[in-house]
Amino acid sequence: KRTYWGLPNNADYDMRAISGSVCDSLGLAVEEIPSQPQNIFIYYHIDWQTAFINAQGLKGKNYVMQVHDIMGRCVFKEEGKLNSSYYTKDLHIQNFSTGVYIVSLITNSQQLAGKFVKE
């Protein structure tokens, strides 16, 4: 089953699970957190240097939309009042450097997040 010259030493997958062990292979020690559907959609168009941000099903009267770079710096912020349950923004990002950006849309009762990559 094993070789000690030339090939990596592999774990013994024939071992049986020890009941109650943290390393028990019969189940997970961490409960899976159910994912909630995100109602925010972000599309970056490289030719137009624009990120199209759309959200639906929003609850609340006020919103804050922020864009952070991968280092956590806020590069754009917009606040306002919601007139409906939809939000749309054409964000021109020609002055942004290339990289990954995180968009967060916060209302009175919910928080949505998404990301895009500027090339």
PDB file of N, CA and C in Angstrom:
ATOM      1  N   LYS A   1       0.797  -1.197   0.000  1.00  0.00           N
ATOM      2  CA  LYS A   1       0.000   0.000   0.000  1.00  0.00           C
ATOM      3  C   LYS A   1       0.842   1.263   0.000  1.00  0.00           C
ATOM      4  N   ARG A   2       2.036   1.233   0.485  1.00  0.00           N
ATOM      5  CA  ARG A   2       2.843   2.435   0.631  1.00  0.00           C
ATOM      6  C   ARG A   2       4.208   2.247  -0.015  1.00  0.00           C
ATOM      7  N   THR A   3       4.716   3.387  -0.403  1.00  0.00           N
ATOM      8  CA  THR A   3       6.097   3.432  -0.837  1.00  0.00           C
ATOM      9  C   THR A   3       6.756   4.601  -0.127  1.00  0.00           C
ATOM     10  N   TYR A   4       7.996   4.465   0.172  1.00  0.00           N
ATOM     11  CA  TYR A   4       8.685   5.514   0.897  1.00  0.00           C
ATOM     12  C   TYR A   4       9.801   6.139   0.060  1.00  0.00           C
ATOM     13  N   TRP A   5       9.881   5.749  -1.196  1.00  0.00           N
ATOM     14  CA  TRP A   5      10.909   6.298  -2.057  1.00  0.00           C
ATOM     15  C   TRP A   5      10.247   6.811  -3.337  1.00  0.00           C
ATOM     16  N   GLY A   6      10.260   8.115  -3.557  1.00  0.00           N
ATOM     17  CA  GLY A   6       9.828   8.657  -4.833  1.00  0.00           C
ATOM     18  C   GLY A   6       8.390   9.146  -4.900  1.00  0.00           C
ATOM     19  N   LEU A   7       7.489   8.613  -4.129  1.00  0.00           N
ATOM     20  CA  LEU A   7       6.103   9.056  -4.170  1.00  0.00           C
ATOM     21  C   LEU A   7       5.716   9.677  -2.833  1.00  0.00           C
ATOM     22  N   PRO A   8       4.697  10.540  -2.830  1.00  0.00           N
ATOM     23  CA  PRO A   8       4.299  11.162  -1.557  1.00  0.00           C
ATOM     24  C   PRO A   8       3.667  10.147  -0.612  1.00  0.00           C
ATOM     25  N   ASN A   9       3.778  10.431   0.673  1.00  0.00           N
ATOM     26  CA  ASN A   9       3.185   9.589   1.688  1.00  0.00           C
ATOM     27  C   ASN A   9       1.708   9.961   1.813  1.00  0.00           C
ATOM     28  N   ASN A  10       0.820   9.074   1.432  1.00  0.00           N
ATOM     29  CA  ASN A  10      -0.610   9.351   1.447  1.00  0.00           C
ATOM     30  C   ASN A  10      -1.235   8.911   2.766  1.00  0.00           C
ATOM     31  N   ALA A  11      -2.317   9.585   3.115  1.00  0.00           N
ATOM     32  CA  ALA A  11      -3.043   9.228   4.338  1.00  0.00           C
ATOM     33  C   ALA A  11      -3.690   7.860   4.175  1.00  0.00           C
ATOM     34  N   ASP A  12      -3.910   7.180   5.291  1.00  0.00           N
ATOM     35  CA  ASP A  12      -4.538   5.857   5.275  1.00  0.00           C
ATOM     36  C   ASP A  12      -6.052   6.040   5.276  1.00  0.00           C
ATOM     37  N   TYR A  13      -6.661   5.902   4.112  1.00  0.00           N
ATOM     38  CA  TYR A  13      -8.097   6.086   3.993  1.00  0.00           C
ATOM     39  C   TYR A  13      -8.867   4.836   4.407  1.00  0.00           C
ATOM     40  N   ASP A  14      -8.177   3.780   4.759  1.00  0.00           N
ATOM     41  CA  ASP A  14      -8.832   2.567   5.212  1.00  0.00           C
ATOM     42  C   ASP A  14      -9.123   2.591   6.709  1.00  0.00           C
ATOM     43  N   MET A  15      -8.697   3.659   7.404  1.00  0.00           N
ATOM     44  CA  MET A  15      -8.958   3.753   8.840  1.00  0.00           C
ATOM     45  C   MET A  15     -10.453   3.954   9.071  1.00  0.00           C
ATOM     46  N   ARG A  16     -10.959   3.399  10.109  1.00  0.00           N
ATOM     47  CA  ARG A  16     -12.364   3.557  10.464  1.00  0.00           C
ATOM     48  C   ARG A  16     -12.543   4.831  11.283  1.00  0.00           C
ATOM     49  N   ALA A  17     -13.730   5.393  11.237  1.00  0.00           N
ATOM     50  CA  ALA A  17     -14.032   6.617  11.980  1.00  0.00           C
ATOM     51  C   ALA A  17     -14.129   6.317  13.465  1.00  0.00           C
ATOM     52  N   ILE A  18     -13.629   7.234  14.273  1.00  0.00           N
ATOM     53  CA  ILE A  18     -13.732   7.126  15.718  1.00  0.00           C
ATOM     54  C   ILE A  18     -14.936   7.955  16.139  1.00  0.00           C
ATOM     55  N   SER A  19     -15.920   7.326  16.697  1.00  0.00           N
ATOM     56  CA  SER A  19     -17.164   7.998  17.062  1.00  0.00           C
ATOM     57  C   SER A  19     -16.901   9.103  18.073  1.00  0.00           C
ATOM     58  N   GLY A  20     -17.426  10.319  17.796  1.00  0.00           N
ATOM     59  CA  GLY A  20     -17.271  11.456  18.691  1.00  0.00           C
ATOM     60  C   GLY A  20     -16.009  12.252  18.484  1.00  0.00           C
ATOM     61  N   SER A  21     -15.126  11.815  17.598  1.00  0.00           N
ATOM     62  CA  SER A  21     -13.880  12.525  17.344  1.00  0.00           C
ATOM     63  C   SER A  21     -14.138  13.758  16.482  1.00  0.00           C
ATOM     64  N   VAL A  22     -13.348  14.824  16.676  1.00  0.00           N
ATOM     65  CA  VAL A  22     -13.432  16.008  15.833  1.00  0.00           C
ATOM     66  C   VAL A  22     -13.072  15.654  14.398  1.00  0.00           C
ATOM     67  N   CYS A  23     -12.204  14.677  14.224  1.00  0.00           N
ATOM     68  CA  CYS A  23     -11.766  14.251  12.897  1.00  0.00           C
ATOM     69  C   CYS A  23     -12.637  13.125  12.344  1.00  0.00           C
ATOM     70  N   ASP A  24     -13.810  12.954  12.871  1.00  0.00           N
ATOM     71  CA  ASP A  24     -14.711  11.895  12.437  1.00  0.00           C
ATOM     72  C   ASP A  24     -15.067  12.101  10.967  1.00  0.00           C
ATOM     73  N   SER A  25     -14.843  11.101  10.160  1.00  0.00           N
ATOM     74  CA  SER A  25     -15.096  11.219   8.733  1.00  0.00           C
ATOM     75  C   SER A  25     -16.539  10.911   8.365  1.00  0.00           C
ATOM     76  N   LEU A  26     -17.372  10.582   9.352  1.00  0.00           N
ATOM     77  CA  LEU A  26     -18.757  10.258   9.055  1.00  0.00           C
ATOM     78  C   LEU A  26     -19.632  11.492   8.903  1.00  0.00           C
ATOM     79  N   GLY A  27     -19.236  12.609   9.426  1.00  0.00           N
ATOM     80  CA  GLY A  27     -20.053  13.817   9.337  1.00  0.00           C
ATOM     81  C   GLY A  27     -19.214  15.051   9.534  1.00  0.00           C
ATOM     82  N   LEU A  28     -19.844  16.182   9.437  1.00  0.00           N
ATOM     83  CA  LEU A  28     -19.145  17.441   9.617  1.00  0.00           C
ATOM     84  C   LEU A  28     -19.294  17.917  11.047  1.00  0.00           C
ATOM     85  N   ALA A  29     -18.238  18.497  11.595  1.00  0.00           N
ATOM     86  CA  ALA A  29     -18.290  19.037  12.950  1.00  0.00           C
ATOM     87  C   ALA A  29     -18.913  20.423  12.964  1.00  0.00           C
ATOM     88  N   VAL A  30     -19.019  21.068  11.792  1.00  0.00           N
ATOM     89  CA  VAL A  30     -19.559  22.417  11.690  1.00  0.00           C
ATOM     90  C   VAL A  30     -20.894  22.353  10.968  1.00  0.00           C
ATOM     91  N   GLU A  31     -21.888  23.036  11.531  1.00  0.00           N
ATOM     92  CA  GLU A  31     -23.182  23.071  10.860  1.00  0.00           C
ATOM     93  C   GLU A  31     -23.085  23.949   9.627  1.00  0.00           C
ATOM     94  N   GLU A  32     -23.756  23.519   8.584  1.00  0.00           N
ATOM     95  CA  GLU A  32     -23.757  24.301   7.353  1.00  0.00           C
ATOM     96  C   GLU A  32     -24.745  25.441   7.491  1.00  0.00           C
ATOM     97  N   ILE A  33     -24.296  26.641   7.144  1.00  0.00           N
ATOM     98  CA  ILE A  33     -25.148  27.813   7.227  1.00  0.00           C
ATOM     99  C   ILE A  33     -25.931  27.914   5.924  1.00  0.00           C
ATOM    100  N   PRO A  34     -27.256  27.947   5.997  1.00  0.00           N
ATOM    101  CA  PRO A  34     -28.028  28.038   4.761  1.00  0.00           C
ATOM    102  C   PRO A  34     -27.774  29.369   4.077  1.00  0.00           C
ATOM    103  N   SER A  35     -27.566  29.316   2.783  1.00  0.00           N
ATOM    104  CA  SER A  35     -27.292  30.540   2.049  1.00  0.00           C
ATOM    105  C   SER A  35     -28.607  31.225   1.690  1.00  0.00           C
ATOM    106  N   GLN A  36     -28.597  32.545   1.802  1.00  0.00           N
ATOM    107  CA  GLN A  36     -29.767  33.318   1.451  1.00  0.00           C
ATOM    108  C   GLN A  36     -29.557  33.878   0.059  1.00  0.00           C
ATOM    109  N   PRO A  37     -30.617  33.921  -0.726  1.00  0.00           N
ATOM    110  CA  PRO A  37     -30.453  34.430  -2.089  1.00  0.00           C
ATOM    111  C   PRO A  37     -30.105  35.911  -2.075  1.00  0.00           C
ATOM    112  N   GLN A  38     -29.147  36.270  -2.868  1.00  0.00           N
ATOM    113  CA  GLN A  38     -28.756  37.663  -2.996  1.00  0.00           C
ATOM    114  C   GLN A  38     -29.542  38.277  -4.148  1.00  0.00           C
ATOM    115  N   ASN A  39     -30.157  39.402  -3.902  1.00  0.00           N
ATOM    116  CA  ASN A  39     -30.935  40.082  -4.918  1.00  0.00           C
ATOM    117  C   ASN A  39     -30.175  41.256  -5.504  1.00  0.00           C
ATOM    118  N   ILE A  40     -28.847  41.139  -5.568  1.00  0.00           N
ATOM    119  CA  ILE A  40     -28.023  42.179  -6.173  1.00  0.00           C
ATOM    120  C   ILE A  40     -27.252  41.555  -7.337  1.00  0.00           C
ATOM    121  N   PHE A  41     -27.224  42.276  -8.446  1.00  0.00           N
ATOM    122  CA  PHE A  41     -26.570  41.784  -9.651  1.00  0.00           C
ATOM    123  C   PHE A  41     -25.622  42.861 -10.146  1.00  0.00           C
ATOM    124  N   ILE A  42     -24.374  42.462 -10.392  1.00  0.00           N
ATOM    125  CA  ILE A  42     -23.340  43.405 -10.822  1.00  0.00           C
ATOM    126  C   ILE A  42     -22.710  42.879 -12.104  1.00  0.00           C
ATOM    127  N   TYR A  43     -22.676  43.731 -13.112  1.00  0.00           N
ATOM    128  CA  TYR A  43     -22.063  43.357 -14.387  1.00  0.00           C
ATOM    129  C   TYR A  43     -21.086  44.453 -14.781  1.00  0.00           C
ATOM    130  N   TYR A  44     -19.839  44.069 -15.037  1.00  0.00           N
ATOM    131  CA  TYR A  44     -18.811  45.030 -15.453  1.00  0.00           C
ATOM    132  C   TYR A  44     -18.584  44.887 -16.952  1.00  0.00           C
ATOM    133  N   HIS A  45     -18.676  45.999 -17.671  1.00  0.00           N
ATOM    134  CA  HIS A  45     -18.433  46.006 -19.122  1.00  0.00           C
ATOM    135  C   HIS A  45     -17.098  46.690 -19.370  1.00  0.00           C
ATOM    136  N   ILE A  46     -16.149  45.915 -19.874  1.00  0.00           N
ATOM    137  CA  ILE A  46     -14.772  46.408 -20.011  1.00  0.00           C
ATOM    138  C   ILE A  46     -14.656  47.536 -21.039  1.00  0.00           C
ATOM    139  N   ASP A  47     -15.423  47.483 -22.131  1.00  0.00           N
ATOM    140  CA  ASP A  47     -15.317  48.515 -23.164  1.00  0.00           C
ATOM    141  C   ASP A  47     -15.892  49.852 -22.702  1.00  0.00           C
ATOM    142  N   TRP A  48     -16.930  49.818 -21.911  1.00  0.00           N
ATOM    143  CA  TRP A  48     -17.569  51.040 -21.442  1.00  0.00           C
ATOM    144  C   TRP A  48     -16.992  51.514 -20.123  1.00  0.00           C
ATOM    145  N   GLN A  49     -16.119  50.711 -19.488  1.00  0.00           N
ATOM    146  CA  GLN A  49     -15.539  51.051 -18.185  1.00  0.00           C
ATOM    147  C   GLN A  49     -16.648  51.420 -17.186  1.00  0.00           C
ATOM    148  N   THR A  50     -17.698  50.582 -17.188  1.00  0.00           N
ATOM    149  CA  THR A  50     -18.868  50.834 -16.354  1.00  0.00           C
ATOM    150  C   THR A  50     -19.272  49.556 -15.634  1.00  0.00           C
ATOM    151  N   ALA A  51     -19.630  49.689 -14.364  1.00  0.00           N
ATOM    152  CA  ALA A  51     -20.208  48.589 -13.600  1.00  0.00           C
ATOM    153  C   ALA A  51     -21.699  48.874 -13.456  1.00  0.00           C
ATOM    154  N   PHE A  52     -22.508  47.946 -13.930  1.00  0.00           N
ATOM    155  CA  PHE A  52     -23.958  48.080 -13.843  1.00  0.00           C
ATOM    156  C   PHE A  52     -24.408  47.348 -12.578  1.00  0.00           C
ATOM    157  N   ILE A  53     -25.004  48.075 -11.651  1.00  0.00           N
ATOM    158  CA  ILE A  53     -25.411  47.525 -10.359  1.00  0.00           C
ATOM    159  C   ILE A  53     -26.933  47.590 -10.277  1.00  0.00           C
ATOM    160  N   ASN A  54     -27.565  46.435 -10.096  1.00  0.00           N
ATOM    161  CA  ASN A  54     -29.020  46.355  -9.988  1.00  0.00           C
ATOM    162  C   ASN A  54     -29.379  45.520  -8.770  1.00  0.00           C
ATOM    163  N   ALA A  55     -30.416  45.940  -8.063  1.00  0.00           N
ATOM    164  CA  ALA A  55     -30.908  45.191  -6.916  1.00  0.00           C
ATOM    165  C   ALA A  55     -32.430  45.223  -6.949  1.00  0.00           C
ATOM    166  N   GLN A  56     -33.021  44.168  -6.431  1.00  0.00           N
ATOM    167  CA  GLN A  56     -34.480  44.094  -6.400  1.00  0.00           C
ATOM    168  C   GLN A  56     -34.938  43.539  -5.060  1.00  0.00           C
ATOM    169  N   GLY A  57     -36.200  43.752  -4.771  1.00  0.00           N
ATOM    170  CA  GLY A  57     -36.756  43.259  -3.511  1.00  0.00           C
ATOM    171  C   GLY A  57     -36.244  43.989  -2.292  1.00  0.00           C
ATOM    172  N   LEU A  58     -35.905  45.259  -2.453  1.00  0.00           N
ATOM    173  CA  LEU A  58     -35.348  46.026  -1.342  1.00  0.00           C
ATOM    174  C   LEU A  58     -36.446  46.461  -0.385  1.00  0.00           C
ATOM    175  N   LYS A  59     -36.115  46.474   0.890  1.00  0.00           N
ATOM    176  CA  LYS A  59     -37.039  46.892   1.942  1.00  0.00           C
ATOM    177  C   LYS A  59     -36.401  48.048   2.690  1.00  0.00           C
ATOM    178  N   GLY A  60     -37.164  49.077   2.907  1.00  0.00           N
ATOM    179  CA  GLY A  60     -36.660  50.241   3.616  1.00  0.00           C
ATOM    180  C   GLY A  60     -36.880  51.502   2.809  1.00  0.00           C
ATOM    181  N   LYS A  61     -36.544  52.616   3.409  1.00  0.00           N
ATOM    182  CA  LYS A  61     -36.754  53.900   2.750  1.00  0.00           C
ATOM    183  C   LYS A  61     -35.441  54.562   2.333  1.00  0.00           C
ATOM    184  N   ASN A  62     -34.364  54.251   3.027  1.00  0.00           N
ATOM    185  CA  ASN A  62     -33.067  54.859   2.750  1.00  0.00           C
ATOM    186  C   ASN A  62     -32.071  53.776   2.353  1.00  0.00           C
ATOM    187  N   TYR A  63     -31.031  54.173   1.615  1.00  0.00           N
ATOM    188  CA  TYR A  63     -29.985  53.234   1.230  1.00  0.00           C
ATOM    189  C   TYR A  63     -28.625  53.908   1.283  1.00  0.00           C
ATOM    190  N   VAL A  64     -27.618  53.073   1.419  1.00  0.00           N
ATOM    191  CA  VAL A  64     -26.219  53.484   1.281  1.00  0.00           C
ATOM    192  C   VAL A  64     -25.566  52.456   0.388  1.00  0.00           C
ATOM    193  N   MET A  65     -24.992  52.906  -0.723  1.00  0.00           N
ATOM    194  CA  MET A  65     -24.275  52.012  -1.628  1.00  0.00           C
ATOM    195  C   MET A  65     -22.794  52.387  -1.554  1.00  0.00           C
ATOM    196  N   GLN A  66     -21.953  51.390  -1.242  1.00  0.00           N
ATOM    197  CA  GLN A  66     -20.520  51.631  -1.114  1.00  0.00           C
ATOM    198  C   GLN A  66     -19.760  50.648  -1.986  1.00  0.00           C
ATOM    199  N   VAL A  67     -18.636  51.124  -2.505  1.00  0.00           N
ATOM    200  CA  VAL A  67     -17.724  50.270  -3.255  1.00  0.00           C
ATOM    201  C   VAL A  67     -16.379  50.332  -2.553  1.00  0.00           C
ATOM    202  N   HIS A  68     -15.853  49.146  -2.188  1.00  0.00           N
ATOM    203  CA  HIS A  68     -14.547  49.050  -1.515  1.00  0.00           C
ATOM    204  C   HIS A  68     -13.586  48.274  -2.401  1.00  0.00           C
ATOM    205  N   ASP A  69     -12.320  48.670  -2.369  1.00  0.00           N
ATOM    206  CA  ASP A  69     -11.321  47.878  -3.067  1.00  0.00           C
ATOM    207  C   ASP A  69     -10.931  46.690  -2.191  1.00  0.00           C
ATOM    208  N   ILE A  70     -10.055  45.858  -2.694  1.00  0.00           N
ATOM    209  CA  ILE A  70      -9.695  44.629  -1.994  1.00  0.00           C
ATOM    210  C   ILE A  70      -8.942  44.911  -0.694  1.00  0.00           C
ATOM    211  N   MET A  71      -8.384  46.102  -0.554  1.00  0.00           N
ATOM    212  CA  MET A  71      -7.675  46.481   0.675  1.00  0.00           C
ATOM    213  C   MET A  71      -8.627  47.082   1.711  1.00  0.00           C
ATOM    214  N   GLY A  72      -9.919  47.210   1.376  1.00  0.00           N
ATOM    215  CA  GLY A  72     -10.901  47.716   2.318  1.00  0.00           C
ATOM    216  C   GLY A  72     -11.128  49.211   2.264  1.00  0.00           C
ATOM    217  N   ARG A  73     -10.473  49.900   1.339  1.00  0.00           N
ATOM    218  CA  ARG A  73     -10.657  51.345   1.211  1.00  0.00           C
ATOM    219  C   ARG A  73     -11.946  51.645   0.458  1.00  0.00           C
ATOM    220  N   CYS A  74     -12.732  52.580   0.955  1.00  0.00           N
ATOM    221  CA  CYS A  74     -13.968  52.990   0.292  1.00  0.00           C
ATOM    222  C   CYS A  74     -13.605  53.904  -0.874  1.00  0.00           C
ATOM    223  N   VAL A  75     -13.939  53.472  -2.102  1.00  0.00           N
ATOM    224  CA  VAL A  75     -13.603  54.253  -3.294  1.00  0.00           C
ATOM    225  C   VAL A  75     -14.817  54.966  -3.870  1.00  0.00           C
ATOM    226  N   PHE A  76     -16.017  54.588  -3.419  1.00  0.00           N
ATOM    227  CA  PHE A  76     -17.233  55.255  -3.867  1.00  0.00           C
ATOM    228  C   PHE A  76     -18.311  55.054  -2.810  1.00  0.00           C
ATOM    229  N   LYS A  77     -19.091  56.108  -2.570  1.00  0.00           N
ATOM    230  CA  LYS A  77     -20.191  56.018  -1.613  1.00  0.00           C
ATOM    231  C   LYS A  77     -21.334  56.891  -2.100  1.00  0.00           C
ATOM    232  N   GLU A  78     -22.546  56.347  -1.995  1.00  0.00           N
ATOM    233  CA  GLU A  78     -23.745  57.084  -2.402  1.00  0.00           C
ATOM    234  C   GLU A  78     -24.852  56.790  -1.394  1.00  0.00           C
ATOM    235  N   GLU A  79     -25.530  57.823  -0.960  1.00  0.00           N
ATOM    236  CA  GLU A  79     -26.655  57.678  -0.043  1.00  0.00           C
ATOM    237  C   GLU A  79     -27.878  58.290  -0.687  1.00  0.00           C
ATOM    238  N   GLY A  80     -29.056  57.761  -0.330  1.00  0.00           N
ATOM    239  CA  GLY A  80     -30.267  58.327  -0.882  1.00  0.00           C
ATOM    240  C   GLY A  80     -31.517  57.675  -0.341  1.00  0.00           C
ATOM    241  N   LYS A  81     -32.645  58.044  -0.928  1.00  0.00           N
ATOM    242  CA  LYS A  81     -33.937  57.489  -0.557  1.00  0.00           C
ATOM    243  C   LYS A  81     -34.399  56.538  -1.643  1.00  0.00           C
ATOM    244  N   LEU A  82     -34.993  55.426  -1.220  1.00  0.00           N
ATOM    245  CA  LEU A  82     -35.547  54.452  -2.160  1.00  0.00           C
ATOM    246  C   LEU A  82     -36.961  54.859  -2.527  1.00  0.00           C
ATOM    247  N   ASN A  83     -37.245  54.919  -3.826  1.00  0.00           N
ATOM    248  CA  ASN A  83     -38.591  55.222  -4.287  1.00  0.00           C
ATOM    249  C   ASN A  83     -39.393  53.961  -4.571  1.00  0.00           C
ATOM    250  N   SER A  84     -38.687  52.851  -4.756  1.00  0.00           N
ATOM    251  CA  SER A  84     -39.345  51.568  -5.020  1.00  0.00           C
ATOM    252  C   SER A  84     -38.477  50.460  -4.440  1.00  0.00           C
ATOM    253  N   SER A  85     -38.842  49.224  -4.726  1.00  0.00           N
ATOM    254  CA  SER A  85     -38.056  48.100  -4.226  1.00  0.00           C
ATOM    255  C   SER A  85     -36.901  47.751  -5.157  1.00  0.00           C
ATOM    256  N   TYR A  86     -36.647  48.584  -6.164  1.00  0.00           N
ATOM    257  CA  TYR A  86     -35.560  48.359  -7.119  1.00  0.00           C
ATOM    258  C   TYR A  86     -34.502  49.448  -6.984  1.00  0.00           C
ATOM    259  N   TYR A  87     -33.261  49.073  -7.271  1.00  0.00           N
ATOM    260  CA  TYR A  87     -32.150  50.023  -7.281  1.00  0.00           C
ATOM    261  C   TYR A  87     -31.326  49.745  -8.520  1.00  0.00           C
ATOM    262  N   THR A  88     -30.932  50.783  -9.219  1.00  0.00           N
ATOM    263  CA  THR A  88     -30.060  50.624 -10.380  1.00  0.00           C
ATOM    264  C   THR A  88     -29.054  51.774 -10.417  1.00  0.00           C
ATOM    265  N   LYS A  89     -27.836  51.443 -10.813  1.00  0.00           N
ATOM    266  CA  LYS A  89     -26.765  52.436 -10.875  1.00  0.00           C
ATOM    267  C   LYS A  89     -25.784  52.032 -11.960  1.00  0.00           C
ATOM    268  N   ASP A  90     -25.457  52.961 -12.839  1.00  0.00           N
ATOM    269  CA  ASP A  90     -24.395  52.779 -13.825  1.00  0.00           C
ATOM    270  C   ASP A  90     -23.172  53.512 -13.287  1.00  0.00           C
ATOM    271  N   LEU A  91     -22.250  52.767 -12.717  1.00  0.00           N
ATOM    272  CA  LEU A  91     -21.088  53.346 -12.056  1.00  0.00           C
ATOM    273  C   LEU A  91     -19.909  53.382 -13.027  1.00  0.00           C
ATOM    274  N   HIS A  92     -19.506  54.594 -13.412  1.00  0.00           N
ATOM    275  CA  HIS A  92     -18.376  54.759 -14.326  1.00  0.00           C
ATOM    276  C   HIS A  92     -17.079  54.650 -13.531  1.00  0.00           C
ATOM    277  N   ILE A  93     -16.248  53.679 -13.890  1.00  0.00           N
ATOM    278  CA  ILE A  93     -15.072  53.361 -13.082  1.00  0.00           C
ATOM    279  C   ILE A  93     -13.770  53.489 -13.869  1.00  0.00           C
ATOM    280  N   GLN A  94     -13.738  54.384 -14.838  1.00  0.00           N
ATOM    281  CA  GLN A  94     -12.511  54.544 -15.618  1.00  0.00           C
ATOM    282  C   GLN A  94     -11.348  55.026 -14.765  1.00  0.00           C
ATOM    283  N   ASN A  95     -11.610  55.705 -13.635  1.00  0.00           N
ATOM    284  CA  ASN A  95     -10.539  56.186 -12.758  1.00  0.00           C
ATOM    285  C   ASN A  95     -10.133  55.169 -11.701  1.00  0.00           C
ATOM    286  N   PHE A  96     -10.826  54.032 -11.619  1.00  0.00           N
ATOM    287  CA  PHE A  96     -10.469  52.977 -10.668  1.00  0.00           C
ATOM    288  C   PHE A  96      -9.282  52.204 -11.217  1.00  0.00           C
ATOM    289  N   SER A  97      -8.418  51.740 -10.333  1.00  0.00           N
ATOM    290  CA  SER A  97      -7.313  50.890 -10.778  1.00  0.00           C
ATOM    291  C   SER A  97      -7.834  49.465 -10.990  1.00  0.00           C
ATOM    292  N   THR A  98      -7.069  48.647 -11.689  1.00  0.00           N
ATOM    293  CA  THR A  98      -7.491  47.272 -11.934  1.00  0.00           C
ATOM    294  C   THR A  98      -7.490  46.498 -10.621  1.00  0.00           C
ATOM    295  N   GLY A  99      -8.435  45.578 -10.488  1.00  0.00           N
ATOM    296  CA  GLY A  99      -8.511  44.780  -9.277  1.00  0.00           C
ATOM    297  C   GLY A  99      -9.933  44.349  -8.967  1.00  0.00           C
ATOM    298  N   VAL A 100     -10.097  43.791  -7.772  1.00  0.00           N
ATOM    299  CA  VAL A 100     -11.381  43.281  -7.300  1.00  0.00           C
ATOM    300  C   VAL A 100     -12.041  44.344  -6.429  1.00  0.00           C
ATOM    301  N   TYR A 101     -13.340  44.552  -6.632  1.00  0.00           N
ATOM    302  CA  TYR A 101     -14.099  45.528  -5.869  1.00  0.00           C
ATOM    303  C   TYR A 101     -15.335  44.867  -5.276  1.00  0.00           C
ATOM    304  N   ILE A 102     -15.675  45.269  -4.062  1.00  0.00           N
ATOM    305  CA  ILE A 102     -16.842  44.738  -3.362  1.00  0.00           C
ATOM    306  C   ILE A 102     -17.875  45.847  -3.267  1.00  0.00           C
ATOM    307  N   VAL A 103     -19.092  45.531  -3.712  1.00  0.00           N
ATOM    308  CA  VAL A 103     -20.197  46.476  -3.682  1.00  0.00           C
ATOM    309  C   VAL A 103     -21.139  46.056  -2.558  1.00  0.00           C
ATOM    310  N   SER A 104     -21.492  46.985  -1.677  1.00  0.00           N
ATOM    311  CA  SER A 104     -22.467  46.687  -0.633  1.00  0.00           C
ATOM    312  C   SER A 104     -23.592  47.706  -0.719  1.00  0.00           C
ATOM    313  N   LEU A 105     -24.806  47.192  -0.626  1.00  0.00           N
ATOM    314  CA  LEU A 105     -26.004  48.018  -0.652  1.00  0.00           C
ATOM    315  C   LEU A 105     -26.741  47.768   0.658  1.00  0.00           C
ATOM    316  N   ILE A 106     -26.831  48.811   1.466  1.00  0.00           N
ATOM    317  CA  ILE A 106     -27.395  48.687   2.812  1.00  0.00           C
ATOM    318  C   ILE A 106     -28.657  49.531   2.878  1.00  0.00           C
ATOM    319  N   THR A 107     -29.767  48.898   3.298  1.00  0.00           N
ATOM    320  CA  THR A 107     -31.010  49.625   3.535  1.00  0.00           C
ATOM    321  C   THR A 107     -31.306  49.573   5.031  1.00  0.00           C
ATOM    322  N   ASN A 108     -32.479  50.084   5.405  1.00  0.00           N
ATOM    323  CA  ASN A 108     -32.858  50.090   6.827  1.00  0.00           C
ATOM    324  C   ASN A 108     -32.942  48.684   7.399  1.00  0.00           C
ATOM    325  N   SER A 109     -33.297  47.691   6.573  1.00  0.00           N
ATOM    326  CA  SER A 109     -33.549  46.353   7.115  1.00  0.00           C
ATOM    327  C   SER A 109     -32.771  45.235   6.431  1.00  0.00           C
ATOM    328  N   GLN A 110     -31.882  45.535   5.519  1.00  0.00           N
ATOM    329  CA  GLN A 110     -31.133  44.464   4.873  1.00  0.00           C
ATOM    330  C   GLN A 110     -29.800  44.975   4.348  1.00  0.00           C
ATOM    331  N   GLN A 111     -28.931  44.003   4.058  1.00  0.00           N
ATOM    332  CA  GLN A 111     -27.610  44.318   3.527  1.00  0.00           C
ATOM    333  C   GLN A 111     -27.296  43.318   2.422  1.00  0.00           C
ATOM    334  N   LEU A 112     -26.998  43.824   1.227  1.00  0.00           N
ATOM    335  CA  LEU A 112     -26.660  42.991   0.084  1.00  0.00           C
ATOM    336  C   LEU A 112     -25.231  43.296  -0.329  1.00  0.00           C
ATOM    337  N   ALA A 113     -24.551  42.302  -0.865  1.00  0.00           N
ATOM    338  CA  ALA A 113     -23.167  42.493  -1.285  1.00  0.00           C
ATOM    339  C   ALA A 113     -22.877  41.676  -2.527  1.00  0.00           C
ATOM    340  N   GLY A 114     -21.969  42.173  -3.340  1.00  0.00           N
ATOM    341  CA  GLY A 114     -21.512  41.472  -4.525  1.00  0.00           C
ATOM    342  C   GLY A 114     -20.134  41.994  -4.889  1.00  0.00           C
ATOM    343  N   LYS A 115     -19.562  41.421  -5.931  1.00  0.00           N
ATOM    344  CA  LYS A 115     -18.217  41.872  -6.324  1.00  0.00           C
ATOM    345  C   LYS A 115     -18.093  41.875  -7.837  1.00  0.00           C
ATOM    346  N   PHE A 116     -17.089  42.623  -8.301  1.00  0.00           N
ATOM    347  CA  PHE A 116     -16.739  42.626  -9.718  1.00  0.00           C
ATOM    348  C   PHE A 116     -15.233  42.819  -9.823  1.00  0.00           C
ATOM    349  N   VAL A 117     -14.708  42.476 -10.986  1.00  0.00           N
ATOM    350  CA  VAL A 117     -13.278  42.595 -11.243  1.00  0.00           C
ATOM    351  C   VAL A 117     -13.078  43.554 -12.397  1.00  0.00           C
ATOM    352  N   LYS A 118     -12.326  44.610 -12.174  1.00  0.00           N
ATOM    353  CA  LYS A 118     -11.963  45.529 -13.259  1.00  0.00           C
ATOM    354  C   LYS A 118     -10.664  45.041 -13.863  1.00  0.00           C
ATOM    355  N   GLU A 119     -10.687  44.855 -15.156  1.00  0.00           N
ATOM    356  CA  GLU A 119      -9.495  44.366 -15.872  1.00  0.00           C
ATOM    357  C   GLU A 119      -8.746  45.501 -16.518  1.00  0.00           C
TER     358      GLU A 119
END
